[in-house]
Amino acid sequence: VSGLPSSGTIYVRLWSYISGSWQWNDYTYKAGGGTKAVMTSPTPGSTLGSSATFIWTTGSGVSQYWLYVGSTGVGSYNIYQAS
């Protein structure tokens, strides 16, 4: 199917004709979501030395990346931040 919108919700109904009667299943999908980048190295949970090279997948539909590295809690960036 082409011409799907780039945002919003897509509703799909799949019909089946069984023994002289139509039956259906309904489905919903999120349009244009893309996939987030995922850290691949170092392995999450591993022990780091005084330096590390961080590598991630590209994801899909991603137009920009930010990398935060911190020691004061999830989402902190007191050590490093870059786009």
C-alpha atoms as a PDB file:
ATOM      1  CA  VAL A   1       0.000   0.000   0.000  1.00  0.00           C
ATOM      2  CA  SER A   2       1.473   3.354  -0.997  1.00  0.00           C
ATOM      3  CA  GLY A   3       0.373   6.863  -0.062  1.00  0.00           C
ATOM      4  CA  LEU A   4       0.342   6.283   3.696  1.00  0.00           C
ATOM      5  CA  PRO A   5       0.555   9.437   5.842  1.00  0.00           C
ATOM      6  CA  SER A   6       3.833  10.251   7.589  1.00  0.00           C
ATOM      7  CA  SER A   7       2.222  10.680  11.014  1.00  0.00           C
ATOM      8  CA  GLY A   8      -0.867   9.655  12.946  1.00  0.00           C
ATOM      9  CA  THR A   9      -2.656   6.332  13.272  1.00  0.00           C
ATOM     10  CA  ILE A  10      -3.406   3.876  10.469  1.00  0.00           C
ATOM     11  CA  TYR A  11      -6.435   1.585  10.828  1.00  0.00           C
ATOM     12  CA  VAL A  12      -6.545  -1.695   8.924  1.00  0.00           C
ATOM     13  CA  ARG A  13      -9.393  -4.189   8.618  1.00  0.00           C
ATOM     14  CA  LEU A  14      -8.642  -7.607   7.119  1.00  0.00           C
ATOM     15  CA  TRP A  15     -11.758  -9.384   5.830  1.00  0.00           C
ATOM     16  CA  SER A  16     -12.156 -13.164   5.445  1.00  0.00           C
ATOM     17  CA  TYR A  17     -15.077 -14.898   3.736  1.00  0.00           C
ATOM     18  CA  ILE A  18     -15.781 -18.127   5.633  1.00  0.00           C
ATOM     19  CA  SER A  19     -18.692 -20.489   4.983  1.00  0.00           C
ATOM     20  CA  GLY A  20     -20.863 -17.820   3.377  1.00  0.00           C
ATOM     21  CA  SER A  21     -20.176 -15.136   5.979  1.00  0.00           C
ATOM     22  CA  TRP A  22     -17.727 -12.221   6.112  1.00  0.00           C
ATOM     23  CA  GLN A  23     -15.566 -11.906   9.245  1.00  0.00           C
ATOM     24  CA  TRP A  24     -12.812  -9.445  10.019  1.00  0.00           C
ATOM     25  CA  ASN A  25      -9.902  -8.551  12.268  1.00  0.00           C
ATOM     26  CA  ASP A  26      -8.995  -4.933  13.004  1.00  0.00           C
ATOM     27  CA  TYR A  27      -5.443  -3.637  13.498  1.00  0.00           C
ATOM     28  CA  THR A  28      -3.888  -0.267  14.317  1.00  0.00           C
ATOM     29  CA  TYR A  29      -0.449   0.988  13.360  1.00  0.00           C
ATOM     30  CA  LYS A  30       1.568   4.094  14.091  1.00  0.00           C
ATOM     31  CA  ALA A  31       2.515   5.932  10.894  1.00  0.00           C
ATOM     32  CA  GLY A  32       6.062   7.031  10.103  1.00  0.00           C
ATOM     33  CA  GLY A  33       7.524   6.218  13.478  1.00  0.00           C
ATOM     34  CA  GLY A  34      10.995   5.167  12.394  1.00  0.00           C
ATOM     35  CA  THR A  35      13.248   3.274  14.772  1.00  0.00           C
ATOM     36  CA  LYS A  36      15.517   4.678  17.455  1.00  0.00           C
ATOM     37  CA  ALA A  37      19.275   4.286  17.352  1.00  0.00           C
ATOM     38  CA  VAL A  38      20.592   1.584  19.718  1.00  0.00           C
ATOM     39  CA  MET A  39      23.955   1.503  21.522  1.00  0.00           C
ATOM     40  CA  THR A  40      25.995  -1.490  20.325  1.00  0.00           C
ATOM     41  CA  SER A  41      29.392  -0.874  21.921  1.00  0.00           C
ATOM     42  CA  PRO A  42      30.501  -0.937  24.628  1.00  0.00           C
ATOM     43  CA  THR A  43      28.028  -3.580  25.744  1.00  0.00           C
ATOM     44  CA  PRO A  44      25.494  -1.990  28.127  1.00  0.00           C
ATOM     45  CA  GLY A  45      26.336  -2.881  31.726  1.00  0.00           C
ATOM     46  CA  SER A  46      30.038  -3.474  31.013  1.00  0.00           C
ATOM     47  CA  THR A  47      32.843  -1.854  33.017  1.00  0.00           C
ATOM     48  CA  LEU A  48      34.532   1.120  31.331  1.00  0.00           C
ATOM     49  CA  GLY A  49      38.094   2.343  31.671  1.00  0.00           C
ATOM     50  CA  SER A  50      39.225   5.972  31.528  1.00  0.00           C
ATOM     51  CA  SER A  51      38.033   6.309  27.920  1.00  0.00           C
ATOM     52  CA  ALA A  52      35.526   4.577  25.646  1.00  0.00           C
ATOM     53  CA  THR A  53      34.351   4.670  22.046  1.00  0.00           C
ATOM     54  CA  PHE A  54      30.565   4.597  21.823  1.00  0.00           C
ATOM     55  CA  ILE A  55      29.017   2.998  18.733  1.00  0.00           C
ATOM     56  CA  TRP A  56      25.315   2.809  17.858  1.00  0.00           C
ATOM     57  CA  THR A  57      23.042   1.619  15.067  1.00  0.00           C
ATOM     58  CA  THR A  58      21.735   4.268  12.724  1.00  0.00           C
ATOM     59  CA  GLY A  59      18.046   3.484  13.267  1.00  0.00           C
ATOM     60  CA  SER A  60      15.648   4.546  10.506  1.00  0.00           C
ATOM     61  CA  GLY A  61      14.158   7.936   9.846  1.00  0.00           C
ATOM     62  CA  VAL A  62      16.686   9.505  12.252  1.00  0.00           C
ATOM     63  CA  SER A  63      17.828  12.980  11.219  1.00  0.00           C
ATOM     64  CA  GLN A  64      20.044  13.893  14.180  1.00  0.00           C
ATOM     65  CA  TYR A  65      21.773  12.245  17.137  1.00  0.00           C
ATOM     66  CA  TRP A  66      22.740  13.557  20.571  1.00  0.00           C
ATOM     67  CA  LEU A  67      25.070  11.693  22.910  1.00  0.00           C
ATOM     68  CA  TYR A  68      24.981  12.450  26.635  1.00  0.00           C
ATOM     69  CA  VAL A  69      27.509  10.930  29.045  1.00  0.00           C
ATOM     70  CA  GLY A  70      27.121  11.652  32.737  1.00  0.00           C
ATOM     71  CA  SER A  71      27.713  10.393  36.245  1.00  0.00           C
ATOM     72  CA  THR A  72      24.900  12.099  38.154  1.00  0.00           C
ATOM     73  CA  GLY A  73      21.956   9.976  36.979  1.00  0.00           C
ATOM     74  CA  VAL A  74      20.049   8.818  33.924  1.00  0.00           C
ATOM     75  CA  GLY A  75      20.051  11.538  31.254  1.00  0.00           C
ATOM     76  CA  SER A  76      22.908  13.498  32.847  1.00  0.00           C
ATOM     77  CA  TYR A  77      25.651  14.994  30.697  1.00  0.00           C
ATOM     78  CA  ASN A  78      28.219  16.396  33.132  1.00  0.00           C
ATOM     79  CA  ILE A  79      31.028  14.430  31.399  1.00  0.00           C
ATOM     80  CA  TYR A  80      30.212  14.856  27.700  1.00  0.00           C
ATOM     81  CA  GLN A  81      27.493  15.972  25.293  1.00  0.00           C
ATOM     82  CA  ALA A  82      27.558  16.297  21.510  1.00  0.00           C
ATOM     83  CA  SER A  83      25.261  16.206  18.520  1.00  0.00           C
END
